[in-house]
PDB file of all heavy atoms in Angstrom:
ATOM      1  N   ALA A   1       0.838  -1.206   0.000  1.00  0.00           N
ATOM      2  CA  ALA A   1       0.000   0.000   0.000  1.00  0.00           C
ATOM      3  C   ALA A   1       0.870   1.253   0.000  1.00  0.00           C
ATOM      4  O   ALA A   1       0.594   2.214  -0.722  1.00  0.00           O
ATOM      5  CB  ALA A   1      -0.927  -0.001   1.213  1.00  0.00           C
ATOM      6  N   GLY A   2       1.935   1.256   0.797  1.00  0.00           N
ATOM      7  CA  GLY A   2       2.842   2.398   0.821  1.00  0.00           C
ATOM      8  C   GLY A   2       3.548   2.598  -0.499  1.00  0.00           C
ATOM      9  O   GLY A   2       3.717   3.729  -0.962  1.00  0.00           O
ATOM     10  N   LEU A   3       3.947   1.517  -1.128  1.00  0.00           N
ATOM     11  CA  LEU A   3       4.603   1.602  -2.434  1.00  0.00           C
ATOM     12  C   LEU A   3       3.655   2.182  -3.477  1.00  0.00           C
ATOM     13  O   LEU A   3       4.045   3.030  -4.287  1.00  0.00           O
ATOM     14  CB  LEU A   3       5.084   0.222  -2.875  1.00  0.00           C
ATOM     15  CG  LEU A   3       5.844   0.157  -4.184  1.00  0.00           C
ATOM     16  CD1 LEU A   3       7.169   0.895  -4.065  1.00  0.00           C
ATOM     17  CD2 LEU A   3       6.079  -1.282  -4.578  1.00  0.00           C
ATOM     18  N   PHE A   4       2.401   1.767  -3.439  1.00  0.00           N
ATOM     19  CA  PHE A   4       1.424   2.314  -4.377  1.00  0.00           C
ATOM     20  C   PHE A   4       1.217   3.806  -4.139  1.00  0.00           C
ATOM     21  O   PHE A   4       1.229   4.597  -5.082  1.00  0.00           O
ATOM     22  CB  PHE A   4       0.080   1.589  -4.250  1.00  0.00           C
ATOM     23  CG  PHE A   4      -1.008   2.260  -5.039  1.00  0.00           C
ATOM     24  CD1 PHE A   4      -1.044   2.137  -6.414  1.00  0.00           C
ATOM     25  CD2 PHE A   4      -1.947   3.044  -4.417  1.00  0.00           C
ATOM     26  CE1 PHE A   4      -2.025   2.776  -7.160  1.00  0.00           C
ATOM     27  CE2 PHE A   4      -2.933   3.688  -5.140  1.00  0.00           C
ATOM     28  CZ  PHE A   4      -2.968   3.555  -6.518  1.00  0.00           C
ATOM     29  N   VAL A   5       1.033   4.189  -2.875  1.00  0.00           N
ATOM     30  CA  VAL A   5       0.746   5.594  -2.561  1.00  0.00           C
ATOM     31  C   VAL A   5       1.921   6.485  -2.943  1.00  0.00           C
ATOM     32  O   VAL A   5       1.752   7.533  -3.560  1.00  0.00           O
ATOM     33  CB  VAL A   5       0.390   5.759  -1.069  1.00  0.00           C
ATOM     34  CG1 VAL A   5       0.386   7.216  -0.661  1.00  0.00           C
ATOM     35  CG2 VAL A   5      -0.966   5.141  -0.786  1.00  0.00           C
ATOM     36  N   VAL A   6       3.128   6.077  -2.615  1.00  0.00           N
ATOM     37  CA  VAL A   6       4.297   6.915  -2.891  1.00  0.00           C
ATOM     38  C   VAL A   6       4.690   6.854  -4.360  1.00  0.00           C
ATOM     39  O   VAL A   6       5.019   7.875  -4.960  1.00  0.00           O
ATOM     40  CB  VAL A   6       5.488   6.491  -2.006  1.00  0.00           C
ATOM     41  CG1 VAL A   6       6.754   7.208  -2.422  1.00  0.00           C
ATOM     42  CG2 VAL A   6       5.190   6.773  -0.548  1.00  0.00           C
ATOM     43  N   GLY A   7       4.636   5.689  -4.951  1.00  0.00           N
ATOM     44  CA  GLY A   7       5.188   5.544  -6.285  1.00  0.00           C
ATOM     45  C   GLY A   7       4.240   5.701  -7.447  1.00  0.00           C
ATOM     46  O   GLY A   7       4.635   6.192  -8.493  1.00  0.00           O
ATOM     47  N   PHE A   8       2.994   5.298  -7.272  1.00  0.00           N
ATOM     48  CA  PHE A   8       2.124   5.218  -8.444  1.00  0.00           C
ATOM     49  C   PHE A   8       0.846   6.030  -8.340  1.00  0.00           C
ATOM     50  O   PHE A   8       0.138   6.163  -9.332  1.00  0.00           O
ATOM     51  CB  PHE A   8       1.770   3.755  -8.720  1.00  0.00           C
ATOM     52  CG  PHE A   8       2.970   2.910  -8.986  1.00  0.00           C
ATOM     53  CD1 PHE A   8       3.434   2.019  -8.033  1.00  0.00           C
ATOM     54  CD2 PHE A   8       3.660   3.013 -10.179  1.00  0.00           C
ATOM     55  CE1 PHE A   8       4.557   1.248  -8.266  1.00  0.00           C
ATOM     56  CE2 PHE A   8       4.785   2.246 -10.423  1.00  0.00           C
ATOM     57  CZ  PHE A   8       5.225   1.356  -9.465  1.00  0.00           C
ATOM     58  N   ASP A   9       0.513   6.538  -7.174  1.00  0.00           N
ATOM     59  CA  ASP A   9      -0.761   7.243  -7.025  1.00  0.00           C
ATOM     60  C   ASP A   9      -0.764   8.544  -7.801  1.00  0.00           C
ATOM     61  O   ASP A   9       0.144   9.353  -7.681  1.00  0.00           O
ATOM     62  CB  ASP A   9      -1.045   7.543  -5.558  1.00  0.00           C
ATOM     63  CG  ASP A   9      -2.369   8.254  -5.393  1.00  0.00           C
ATOM     64  OD1 ASP A   9      -3.388   7.643  -5.716  1.00  0.00           O
ATOM     65  OD2 ASP A   9      -2.371   9.419  -4.967  1.00  0.00           O
ATOM     66  N   GLN A  10      -1.758   8.726  -8.624  1.00  0.00           N
ATOM     67  CA  GLN A  10      -1.954   9.964  -9.373  1.00  0.00           C
ATOM     68  C   GLN A  10      -3.356  10.497  -9.114  1.00  0.00           C
ATOM     69  O   GLN A  10      -4.034  10.953 -10.021  1.00  0.00           O
ATOM     70  CB  GLN A  10      -1.753   9.708 -10.874  1.00  0.00           C
ATOM     71  CG  GLN A  10      -0.366   9.299 -11.253  1.00  0.00           C
ATOM     72  CD  GLN A  10       0.637  10.443 -11.138  1.00  0.00           C
ATOM     73  OE1 GLN A  10       0.293  11.604 -11.304  1.00  0.00           O
ATOM     74  NE2 GLN A  10       1.874  10.109 -10.824  1.00  0.00           N
ATOM     75  N   GLY A  11      -3.794  10.416  -7.861  1.00  0.00           N
ATOM     76  CA  GLY A  11      -5.120  10.874  -7.491  1.00  0.00           C
ATOM     77  C   GLY A  11      -6.091   9.747  -7.206  1.00  0.00           C
ATOM     78  O   GLY A  11      -7.233   9.989  -6.841  1.00  0.00           O
ATOM     79  N   HIS A  12      -5.645   8.506  -7.345  1.00  0.00           N
ATOM     80  CA  HIS A  12      -6.543   7.366  -7.182  1.00  0.00           C
ATOM     81  C   HIS A  12      -7.080   7.230  -5.764  1.00  0.00           C
ATOM     82  O   HIS A  12      -8.251   6.905  -5.576  1.00  0.00           O
ATOM     83  CB  HIS A  12      -5.835   6.075  -7.586  1.00  0.00           C
ATOM     84  CG  HIS A  12      -5.393   6.063  -8.996  1.00  0.00           C
ATOM     85  ND1 HIS A  12      -4.135   6.451  -9.365  1.00  0.00           N
ATOM     86  CD2 HIS A  12      -6.040   5.744 -10.131  1.00  0.00           C
ATOM     87  CE1 HIS A  12      -4.017   6.357 -10.667  1.00  0.00           C
ATOM     88  NE2 HIS A  12      -5.164   5.930 -11.168  1.00  0.00           N
ATOM     89  N   VAL A  13      -6.236   7.464  -4.762  1.00  0.00           N
ATOM     90  CA  VAL A  13      -6.658   7.275  -3.371  1.00  0.00           C
ATOM     91  C   VAL A  13      -7.742   8.282  -2.997  1.00  0.00           C
ATOM     92  O   VAL A  13      -8.793   7.918  -2.471  1.00  0.00           O
ATOM     93  CB  VAL A  13      -5.450   7.381  -2.418  1.00  0.00           C
ATOM     94  CG1 VAL A  13      -5.911   7.332  -0.978  1.00  0.00           C
ATOM     95  CG2 VAL A  13      -4.461   6.260  -2.694  1.00  0.00           C
ATOM     96  N   PHE A  14      -7.524   9.550  -3.275  1.00  0.00           N
ATOM     97  CA  PHE A  14      -8.500  10.567  -2.909  1.00  0.00           C
ATOM     98  C   PHE A  14      -9.688  10.617  -3.858  1.00  0.00           C
ATOM     99  O   PHE A  14     -10.692  11.249  -3.551  1.00  0.00           O
ATOM    100  CB  PHE A  14      -7.854  11.945  -2.816  1.00  0.00           C
ATOM    101  CG  PHE A  14      -7.114  12.174  -1.531  1.00  0.00           C
ATOM    102  CD1 PHE A  14      -5.997  12.981  -1.500  1.00  0.00           C
ATOM    103  CD2 PHE A  14      -7.537  11.603  -0.357  1.00  0.00           C
ATOM    104  CE1 PHE A  14      -5.302  13.203  -0.312  1.00  0.00           C
ATOM    105  CE2 PHE A  14      -6.863  11.811   0.834  1.00  0.00           C
ATOM    106  CZ  PHE A  14      -5.736  12.606   0.859  1.00  0.00           C
ATOM    107  N   SER A  15      -9.609   9.948  -4.998  1.00  0.00           N
ATOM    108  CA  SER A  15     -10.755   9.947  -5.907  1.00  0.00           C
ATOM    109  C   SER A  15     -11.938   9.205  -5.306  1.00  0.00           C
ATOM    110  O   SER A  15     -13.080   9.440  -5.702  1.00  0.00           O
ATOM    111  CB  SER A  15     -10.383   9.326  -7.252  1.00  0.00           C
ATOM    112  OG  SER A  15     -10.164   7.942  -7.121  1.00  0.00           O
ATOM    113  N   LEU A  16     -11.679   8.342  -4.339  1.00  0.00           N
ATOM    114  CA  LEU A  16     -12.769   7.656  -3.653  1.00  0.00           C
ATOM    115  C   LEU A  16     -13.626   8.635  -2.866  1.00  0.00           C
ATOM    116  O   LEU A  16     -14.812   8.421  -2.683  1.00  0.00           O
ATOM    117  CB  LEU A  16     -12.202   6.592  -2.708  1.00  0.00           C
ATOM    118  CG  LEU A  16     -11.371   5.496  -3.368  1.00  0.00           C
ATOM    119  CD1 LEU A  16     -10.722   4.627  -2.310  1.00  0.00           C
ATOM    120  CD2 LEU A  16     -12.214   4.679  -4.316  1.00  0.00           C
ATOM    121  N   VAL A  17     -13.004   9.724  -2.404  1.00  0.00           N
ATOM    122  CA  VAL A  17     -13.717  10.715  -1.599  1.00  0.00           C
ATOM    123  C   VAL A  17     -14.081  11.945  -2.423  1.00  0.00           C
ATOM    124  O   VAL A  17     -15.215  12.415  -2.381  1.00  0.00           O
ATOM    125  CB  VAL A  17     -12.852  11.139  -0.390  1.00  0.00           C
ATOM    126  CG1 VAL A  17     -13.553  12.189   0.445  1.00  0.00           C
ATOM    127  CG2 VAL A  17     -12.489   9.929   0.450  1.00  0.00           C
ATOM    128  N   TYR A  18     -13.121  12.474  -3.193  1.00  0.00           N
ATOM    129  CA  TYR A  18     -13.301  13.732  -3.904  1.00  0.00           C
ATOM    130  C   TYR A  18     -13.775  13.584  -5.345  1.00  0.00           C
ATOM    131  O   TYR A  18     -14.055  14.576  -6.010  1.00  0.00           O
ATOM    132  CB  TYR A  18     -12.005  14.540  -3.888  1.00  0.00           C
ATOM    133  CG  TYR A  18     -11.605  14.991  -2.516  1.00  0.00           C
ATOM    134  CD1 TYR A  18     -10.421  14.562  -1.940  1.00  0.00           C
ATOM    135  CD2 TYR A  18     -12.408  15.850  -1.787  1.00  0.00           C
ATOM    136  CE1 TYR A  18     -10.056  14.973  -0.679  1.00  0.00           C
ATOM    137  CE2 TYR A  18     -12.050  16.264  -0.521  1.00  0.00           C
ATOM    138  CZ  TYR A  18     -10.874  15.818   0.025  1.00  0.00           C
ATOM    139  OH  TYR A  18     -10.522  16.220   1.283  1.00  0.00           O
ATOM    140  N   GLY A  19     -13.787  12.388  -5.864  1.00  0.00           N
ATOM    141  CA  GLY A  19     -14.229  12.175  -7.237  1.00  0.00           C
ATOM    142  C   GLY A  19     -13.175  12.594  -8.251  1.00  0.00           C
ATOM    143  O   GLY A  19     -11.981  12.515  -7.996  1.00  0.00           O
ATOM    144  N   GLU A  20     -13.619  13.050  -9.381  1.00  0.00           N
ATOM    145  CA  GLU A  20     -12.718  13.400 -10.480  1.00  0.00           C
ATOM    146  C   GLU A  20     -11.774  14.558 -10.154  1.00  0.00           C
ATOM    147  O   GLU A  20     -10.701  14.669 -10.732  1.00  0.00           O
ATOM    148  CB  GLU A  20     -13.535  13.747 -11.732  1.00  0.00           C
ATOM    149  CG  GLU A  20     -14.284  12.567 -12.308  1.00  0.00           C
ATOM    150  CD  GLU A  20     -13.345  11.504 -12.834  1.00  0.00           C
ATOM    151  OE1 GLU A  20     -12.309  11.845 -13.428  1.00  0.00           O
ATOM    152  OE2 GLU A  20     -13.657  10.313 -12.633  1.00  0.00           O
ATOM    153  N   GLN A  21     -12.150  15.420  -9.234  1.00  0.00           N
ATOM    154  CA  GLN A  21     -11.308  16.562  -8.849  1.00  0.00           C
ATOM    155  C   GLN A  21      -9.965  16.102  -8.279  1.00  0.00           C
ATOM    156  O   GLN A  21      -8.956  16.785  -8.414  1.00  0.00           O
ATOM    157  CB  GLN A  21     -12.046  17.441  -7.824  1.00  0.00           C
ATOM    158  CG  GLN A  21     -11.309  18.709  -7.456  1.00  0.00           C
ATOM    159  CD  GLN A  21     -11.145  19.662  -8.632  1.00  0.00           C
ATOM    160  OE1 GLN A  21     -12.008  19.736  -9.497  1.00  0.00           O
ATOM    161  NE2 GLN A  21     -10.052  20.372  -8.660  1.00  0.00           N
ATOM    162  N   ALA A  22      -9.921  14.940  -7.671  1.00  0.00           N
ATOM    163  CA  ALA A  22      -8.683  14.424  -7.079  1.00  0.00           C
ATOM    164  C   ALA A  22      -7.613  14.174  -8.136  1.00  0.00           C
ATOM    165  O   ALA A  22      -6.420  14.296  -7.854  1.00  0.00           O
ATOM    166  CB  ALA A  22      -8.963  13.137  -6.316  1.00  0.00           C
ATOM    167  N   PHE A  23      -8.022  13.830  -9.365  1.00  0.00           N
ATOM    168  CA  PHE A  23      -7.049  13.584 -10.428  1.00  0.00           C
ATOM    169  C   PHE A  23      -6.402  14.886 -10.912  1.00  0.00           C
ATOM    170  O   PHE A  23      -5.336  14.862 -11.509  1.00  0.00           O
ATOM    171  CB  PHE A  23      -7.704  12.859 -11.602  1.00  0.00           C
ATOM    172  CG  PHE A  23      -8.128  11.454 -11.262  1.00  0.00           C
ATOM    173  CD1 PHE A  23      -9.464  11.144 -11.103  1.00  0.00           C
ATOM    174  CD2 PHE A  23      -7.187  10.460 -11.079  1.00  0.00           C
ATOM    175  CE1 PHE A  23      -9.858   9.849 -10.795  1.00  0.00           C
ATOM    176  CE2 PHE A  23      -7.563   9.170 -10.760  1.00  0.00           C
ATOM    177  CZ  PHE A  23      -8.903   8.865 -10.614  1.00  0.00           C
ATOM    178  N   GLU A  24      -7.027  16.003 -10.643  1.00  0.00           N
ATOM    179  CA  GLU A  24      -6.444  17.297 -11.005  1.00  0.00           C
ATOM    180  C   GLU A  24      -5.614  17.880  -9.862  1.00  0.00           C
ATOM    181  O   GLU A  24      -4.604  18.537 -10.105  1.00  0.00           O
ATOM    182  CB  GLU A  24      -7.554  18.266 -11.396  1.00  0.00           C
ATOM    183  CG  GLU A  24      -8.278  17.849 -12.652  1.00  0.00           C
ATOM    184  CD  GLU A  24      -9.450  18.756 -12.965  1.00  0.00           C
ATOM    185  OE1 GLU A  24      -9.452  19.906 -12.477  1.00  0.00           O
ATOM    186  OE2 GLU A  24     -10.346  18.319 -13.696  1.00  0.00           O
ATOM    187  N   ASP A  25      -6.036  17.652  -8.615  1.00  0.00           N
ATOM    188  CA  ASP A  25      -5.343  18.240  -7.467  1.00  0.00           C
ATOM    189  C   ASP A  25      -4.079  17.478  -7.071  1.00  0.00           C
ATOM    190  O   ASP A  25      -3.090  18.084  -6.670  1.00  0.00           O
ATOM    191  CB  ASP A  25      -6.287  18.315  -6.264  1.00  0.00           C
ATOM    192  CG  ASP A  25      -7.426  19.281  -6.506  1.00  0.00           C
ATOM    193  OD1 ASP A  25      -7.287  20.162  -7.378  1.00  0.00           O
ATOM    194  OD2 ASP A  25      -8.458  19.146  -5.828  1.00  0.00           O
ATOM    195  N   LEU A  26      -4.084  16.174  -7.174  1.00  0.00           N
ATOM    196  CA  LEU A  26      -2.921  15.320  -6.876  1.00  0.00           C
ATOM    197  C   LEU A  26      -2.302  15.607  -5.499  1.00  0.00           C
ATOM    198  O   LEU A  26      -1.102  15.839  -5.377  1.00  0.00           O
ATOM    199  CB  LEU A  26      -1.860  15.468  -7.966  1.00  0.00           C
ATOM    200  CG  LEU A  26      -2.258  15.074  -9.369  1.00  0.00           C
ATOM    201  CD1 LEU A  26      -1.147  15.387 -10.344  1.00  0.00           C
ATOM    202  CD2 LEU A  26      -2.644  13.622  -9.452  1.00  0.00           C
ATOM    203  N   TYR A  27      -3.114  15.574  -4.451  1.00  0.00           N
ATOM    204  CA  TYR A  27      -2.629  15.890  -3.104  1.00  0.00           C
ATOM    205  C   TYR A  27      -1.488  14.981  -2.652  1.00  0.00           C
ATOM    206  O   TYR A  27      -0.454  15.461  -2.200  1.00  0.00           O
ATOM    207  CB  TYR A  27      -3.772  15.787  -2.089  1.00  0.00           C
ATOM    208  CG  TYR A  27      -4.838  16.832  -2.256  1.00  0.00           C
ATOM    209  CD1 TYR A  27      -6.154  16.475  -2.490  1.00  0.00           C
ATOM    210  CD2 TYR A  27      -4.515  18.177  -2.182  1.00  0.00           C
ATOM    211  CE1 TYR A  27      -7.129  17.432  -2.655  1.00  0.00           C
ATOM    212  CE2 TYR A  27      -5.485  19.140  -2.344  1.00  0.00           C
ATOM    213  CZ  TYR A  27      -6.796  18.765  -2.569  1.00  0.00           C
ATOM    214  OH  TYR A  27      -7.749  19.706  -2.729  1.00  0.00           O
ATOM    215  N   ILE A  28      -1.666  13.675  -2.771  1.00  0.00           N
ATOM    216  CA  ILE A  28      -0.628  12.752  -2.298  1.00  0.00           C
ATOM    217  C   ILE A  28       0.616  12.877  -3.168  1.00  0.00           C
ATOM    218  O   ILE A  28       1.740  12.826  -2.668  1.00  0.00           O
ATOM    219  CB  ILE A  28      -1.154  11.311  -2.279  1.00  0.00           C
ATOM    220  CG1 ILE A  28      -2.235  11.189  -1.203  1.00  0.00           C
ATOM    221  CG2 ILE A  28      -0.028  10.331  -1.990  1.00  0.00           C
ATOM    222  CD1 ILE A  28      -2.864   9.838  -1.109  1.00  0.00           C
ATOM    223  N   HIS A  29       0.446  13.068  -4.458  1.00  0.00           N
ATOM    224  CA  HIS A  29       1.592  13.243  -5.351  1.00  0.00           C
ATOM    225  C   HIS A  29       2.434  14.440  -4.899  1.00  0.00           C
ATOM    226  O   HIS A  29       3.659  14.364  -4.829  1.00  0.00           O
ATOM    227  CB  HIS A  29       1.115  13.452  -6.785  1.00  0.00           C
ATOM    228  CG  HIS A  29       2.230  13.765  -7.734  1.00  0.00           C
ATOM    229  ND1 HIS A  29       2.922  12.786  -8.377  1.00  0.00           N
ATOM    230  CD2 HIS A  29       2.770  14.947  -8.120  1.00  0.00           C
ATOM    231  CE1 HIS A  29       3.851  13.353  -9.132  1.00  0.00           C
ATOM    232  NE2 HIS A  29       3.772  14.659  -9.000  1.00  0.00           N
ATOM    233  N   GLU A  30       1.780  15.538  -4.583  1.00  0.00           N
ATOM    234  CA  GLU A  30       2.507  16.737  -4.167  1.00  0.00           C
ATOM    235  C   GLU A  30       3.156  16.550  -2.790  1.00  0.00           C
ATOM    236  O   GLU A  30       4.261  17.049  -2.547  1.00  0.00           O
ATOM    237  CB  GLU A  30       1.580  17.948  -4.153  1.00  0.00           C
ATOM    238  CG  GLU A  30       1.081  18.333  -5.536  1.00  0.00           C
ATOM    239  CD  GLU A  30       2.203  18.660  -6.509  1.00  0.00           C
ATOM    240  OE1 GLU A  30       3.244  19.189  -6.081  1.00  0.00           O
ATOM    241  OE2 GLU A  30       2.029  18.382  -7.703  1.00  0.00           O
ATOM    242  N   LEU A  31       2.492  15.828  -1.889  1.00  0.00           N
ATOM    243  CA  LEU A  31       3.066  15.605  -0.555  1.00  0.00           C
ATOM    244  C   LEU A  31       4.271  14.669  -0.604  1.00  0.00           C
ATOM    245  O   LEU A  31       5.189  14.798   0.212  1.00  0.00           O
ATOM    246  CB  LEU A  31       2.008  15.035   0.386  1.00  0.00           C
ATOM    247  CG  LEU A  31       0.904  16.002   0.797  1.00  0.00           C
ATOM    248  CD1 LEU A  31      -0.178  15.260   1.567  1.00  0.00           C
ATOM    249  CD2 LEU A  31       1.462  17.138   1.625  1.00  0.00           C
ATOM    250  N   THR A  32       4.285  13.737  -1.531  1.00  0.00           N
ATOM    251  CA  THR A  32       5.380  12.767  -1.606  1.00  0.00           C
ATOM    252  C   THR A  32       6.300  13.017  -2.797  1.00  0.00           C
ATOM    253  O   THR A  32       7.086  12.146  -3.160  1.00  0.00           O
ATOM    254  CB  THR A  32       4.809  11.342  -1.698  1.00  0.00           C
ATOM    255  OG1 THR A  32       4.014  11.227  -2.883  1.00  0.00           O
ATOM    256  CG2 THR A  32       3.979  10.992  -0.482  1.00  0.00           C
ATOM    257  N   HIS A  33       6.244  14.189  -3.374  1.00  0.00           N
ATOM    258  CA  HIS A  33       6.974  14.491  -4.600  1.00  0.00           C
ATOM    259  C   HIS A  33       8.486  14.246  -4.468  1.00  0.00           C
ATOM    260  O   HIS A  33       9.086  13.543  -5.294  1.00  0.00           O
ATOM    261  CB  HIS A  33       6.720  15.946  -5.001  1.00  0.00           C
ATOM    262  CG  HIS A  33       7.223  16.272  -6.360  1.00  0.00           C
ATOM    263  ND1 HIS A  33       6.428  16.270  -7.467  1.00  0.00           N
ATOM    264  CD2 HIS A  33       8.467  16.582  -6.793  1.00  0.00           C
ATOM    265  CE1 HIS A  33       7.148  16.564  -8.521  1.00  0.00           C
ATOM    266  NE2 HIS A  33       8.390  16.768  -8.156  1.00  0.00           N
ATOM    267  N   ASP A  34       9.115  14.799  -3.462  1.00  0.00           N
ATOM    268  CA  ASP A  34      10.563  14.635  -3.310  1.00  0.00           C
ATOM    269  C   ASP A  34      10.935  13.191  -2.990  1.00  0.00           C
ATOM    270  O   ASP A  34      11.965  12.691  -3.436  1.00  0.00           O
ATOM    271  CB  ASP A  34      11.090  15.573  -2.224  1.00  0.00           C
ATOM    272  CG  ASP A  34      10.988  17.027  -2.637  1.00  0.00           C
ATOM    273  OD1 ASP A  34      10.917  17.301  -3.848  1.00  0.00           O
ATOM    274  OD2 ASP A  34      10.954  17.904  -1.743  1.00  0.00           O
ATOM    275  N   MET A  35      10.083  12.517  -2.223  1.00  0.00           N
ATOM    276  CA  MET A  35      10.348  11.119  -1.897  1.00  0.00           C
ATOM    277  C   MET A  35      10.275  10.263  -3.165  1.00  0.00           C
ATOM    278  O   MET A  35      11.044   9.317  -3.319  1.00  0.00           O
ATOM    279  CB  MET A  35       9.327  10.620  -0.870  1.00  0.00           C
ATOM    280  CG  MET A  35       9.630   9.242  -0.354  1.00  0.00           C
ATOM    281  SD  MET A  35       8.389   8.523   0.741  1.00  0.00           S
ATOM    282  CE  MET A  35       7.677   9.884   1.570  1.00  0.00           C
ATOM    283  N   ARG A  36       9.378  10.609  -4.063  1.00  0.00           N
ATOM    284  CA  ARG A  36       9.271   9.874  -5.323  1.00  0.00           C
ATOM    285  C   ARG A  36      10.562   9.979  -6.120  1.00  0.00           C
ATOM    286  O   ARG A  36      11.059   8.997  -6.657  1.00  0.00           O
ATOM    287  CB  ARG A  36       8.107  10.412  -6.159  1.00  0.00           C
ATOM    288  CG  ARG A  36       6.760  10.152  -5.581  1.00  0.00           C
ATOM    289  CD  ARG A  36       5.713  10.936  -6.333  1.00  0.00           C
ATOM    290  NE  ARG A  36       5.482  10.375  -7.634  1.00  0.00           N
ATOM    291  CZ  ARG A  36       4.362   9.782  -8.005  1.00  0.00           C
ATOM    292  NH1 ARG A  36       3.362   9.738  -7.161  1.00  0.00           N
ATOM    293  NH2 ARG A  36       4.213   9.293  -9.195  1.00  0.00           N
ATOM    294  N   HIS A  37      11.103  11.190  -6.214  1.00  0.00           N
ATOM    295  CA  HIS A  37      12.357  11.367  -6.952  1.00  0.00           C
ATOM    296  C   HIS A  37      13.515  10.659  -6.261  1.00  0.00           C
ATOM    297  O   HIS A  37      14.360  10.061  -6.926  1.00  0.00           O
ATOM    298  CB  HIS A  37      12.668  12.854  -7.118  1.00  0.00           C
ATOM    299  CG  HIS A  37      11.785  13.538  -8.103  1.00  0.00           C
ATOM    300  ND1 HIS A  37      11.817  13.267  -9.449  1.00  0.00           N
ATOM    301  CD2 HIS A  37      10.840  14.489  -7.931  1.00  0.00           C
ATOM    302  CE1 HIS A  37      10.939  14.011 -10.072  1.00  0.00           C
ATOM    303  NE2 HIS A  37      10.317  14.761  -9.184  1.00  0.00           N
ATOM    304  N   ALA A  38      13.563  10.716  -4.949  1.00  0.00           N
ATOM    305  CA  ALA A  38      14.642  10.046  -4.210  1.00  0.00           C
ATOM    306  C   ALA A  38      14.573   8.536  -4.374  1.00  0.00           C
ATOM    307  O   ALA A  38      15.613   7.860  -4.395  1.00  0.00           O
ATOM    308  CB  ALA A  38      14.568  10.422  -2.731  1.00  0.00           C
ATOM    309  N   ALA A  39      13.379   7.995  -4.517  1.00  0.00           N
ATOM    310  CA  ALA A  39      13.210   6.552  -4.686  1.00  0.00           C
ATOM    311  C   ALA A  39      13.362   6.123  -6.144  1.00  0.00           C
ATOM    312  O   ALA A  39      13.366   4.941  -6.435  1.00  0.00           O
ATOM    313  CB  ALA A  39      11.837   6.125  -4.165  1.00  0.00           C
TER     314      ALA A  39
END
């Protein structure tokens, strides 16, 4: 689950709550952005 959230999530997790808007906002992507590059 952590690997998916950090590495591959492009709004999928929050789309369950926020709908299509989550794919534009990318909250988790922005929060884990530097960690993604480091990994």
